[in-house]
Amino acid sequence: MTAAAISGLLAGYGIAMPVGAIAVLLISISATTCWCIGVSAGLGAATIDGGYALIAVAGGVGLARDVRQTAPGGPPMPHDGYPQDAGAAVGS
């Protein structure tokens, strides 16, 4: 489990590290003003990014539920109270 956690952290850092327009802006703000203003701006950008992630997760959950309800004969989802193993349902 530790190897999986480390791999996940490295993959997350690899995705998060590319420098975009906001990062360049934050770096220039931090370089031209005091560091506390740069930190505050960075925390504000991180808060907005977290809000976007929360909206994406909530929308994805709602979309998944809608797709599940409209899919004819779709497989039962584990959290619906069905056994996770199909063989357990038929007693094999």
Protein backbone atom coordinates (compact mmCIF):
# COMPACT_ATOMS: atom_id res chain seq x y z
CA MET A 1 0.00 0.00 0.00
CA THR A 2 2.89 2.34 0.68
CA ALA A 3 4.22 1.90 -2.85
CA ALA A 4 0.78 2.73 -4.26
CA ALA A 5 0.56 5.85 -2.10
CA ILE A 6 4.00 7.03 -3.17
CA SER A 7 3.18 6.35 -6.82
CA GLY A 8 -0.04 8.34 -6.46
CA LEU A 9 1.76 11.25 -4.84
CA LEU A 10 4.41 11.31 -7.55
CA ALA A 11 1.77 11.17 -10.28
CA GLY A 12 -0.14 14.00 -8.60
CA TYR A 13 2.94 16.16 -8.36
CA GLY A 14 3.78 15.39 -11.97
CA ILE A 15 0.35 16.62 -13.04
CA ALA A 16 0.34 19.65 -10.75
CA MET A 17 3.86 20.90 -11.47
CA PRO A 18 3.53 22.35 -14.99
CA VAL A 19 3.75 26.12 -14.75
CA GLY A 20 0.72 27.87 -16.21
CA ALA A 21 -0.35 31.48 -16.55
CA ILE A 22 -1.60 31.79 -12.96
CA ALA A 23 1.65 30.33 -11.59
CA VAL A 24 3.68 32.84 -13.59
CA LEU A 25 1.47 35.66 -12.30
CA LEU A 26 1.87 34.45 -8.71
CA ILE A 27 5.64 34.19 -9.11
CA SER A 28 5.84 37.74 -10.47
CA ILE A 29 3.60 39.05 -7.66
CA SER A 30 5.79 37.33 -5.07
CA ALA A 31 8.97 38.65 -6.70
CA THR A 32 7.81 42.27 -6.90
CA THR A 33 6.02 42.52 -3.54
CA CYS A 34 6.41 41.01 -0.13
CA TRP A 35 6.25 37.21 0.22
CA CYS A 36 3.10 37.33 2.36
CA ILE A 37 1.15 38.89 -0.53
CA GLY A 38 2.40 36.12 -2.83
CA VAL A 39 1.41 33.46 -0.30
CA SER A 40 -2.03 35.02 0.09
CA ALA A 41 -2.52 35.12 -3.68
CA GLY A 42 -1.38 31.49 -3.93
CA LEU A 43 -3.80 30.39 -1.21
CA GLY A 44 -6.59 32.23 -3.00
CA ALA A 45 -5.80 30.45 -6.27
CA ALA A 46 -5.63 27.10 -4.45
CA THR A 47 -9.01 27.76 -2.83
CA ILE A 48 -10.61 28.50 -6.19
CA ASP A 49 -9.03 25.37 -7.69
CA GLY A 50 -10.41 23.33 -4.79
CA GLY A 51 -13.85 24.79 -5.41
CA TYR A 52 -13.64 23.84 -9.07
CA ALA A 53 -12.65 20.30 -8.04
CA LEU A 54 -15.59 20.10 -5.63
CA ILE A 55 -17.99 21.23 -8.35
CA ALA A 56 -16.52 18.66 -10.75
CA VAL A 57 -16.91 15.83 -8.22
CA ALA A 58 -20.47 16.82 -7.35
CA GLY A 59 -21.38 17.10 -11.03
CA GLY A 60 -19.73 13.77 -11.80
CA VAL A 61 -21.64 12.02 -9.03
CA GLY A 62 -24.92 13.50 -10.26
CA LEU A 63 -24.14 12.59 -13.85
CA ALA A 64 -23.20 9.04 -12.86
CA ARG A 65 -26.51 8.64 -11.01
CA ASP A 66 -28.45 9.97 -13.99
CA VAL A 67 -26.64 7.64 -16.38
CA ARG A 68 -27.18 4.70 -14.02
CA GLN A 69 -30.91 5.39 -13.77
CA THR A 70 -31.41 5.79 -17.51
CA ALA A 71 -29.24 2.86 -18.62
CA PRO A 72 -31.52 -0.10 -19.39
CA GLY A 73 -30.31 -3.26 -17.70
CA GLY A 74 -27.17 -1.64 -16.39
CA PRO A 75 -25.07 -3.58 -13.90
CA PRO A 76 -25.89 -2.98 -10.24
CA MET A 77 -23.47 -0.70 -8.46
CA PRO A 78 -21.83 -2.07 -5.27
CA HIS A 79 -23.25 0.71 -3.09
CA ASP A 80 -26.84 -0.20 -4.12
CA GLY A 81 -26.92 -3.04 -1.60
CA TYR A 82 -26.08 -5.80 -4.08
CA PRO A 83 -23.29 -8.28 -3.37
CA GLN A 84 -20.02 -7.25 -4.96
CA ASP A 85 -19.33 -10.79 -6.12
CA ALA A 86 -21.78 -12.01 -8.77
CA GLY A 87 -21.16 -15.62 -7.71
CA ALA A 88 -22.33 -14.85 -4.17
CA ALA A 89 -25.72 -13.79 -5.53
CA VAL A 90 -26.41 -17.21 -7.09
CA GLY A 91 -24.81 -19.23 -4.29
CA SER A 92 -21.82 -20.61 -6.16
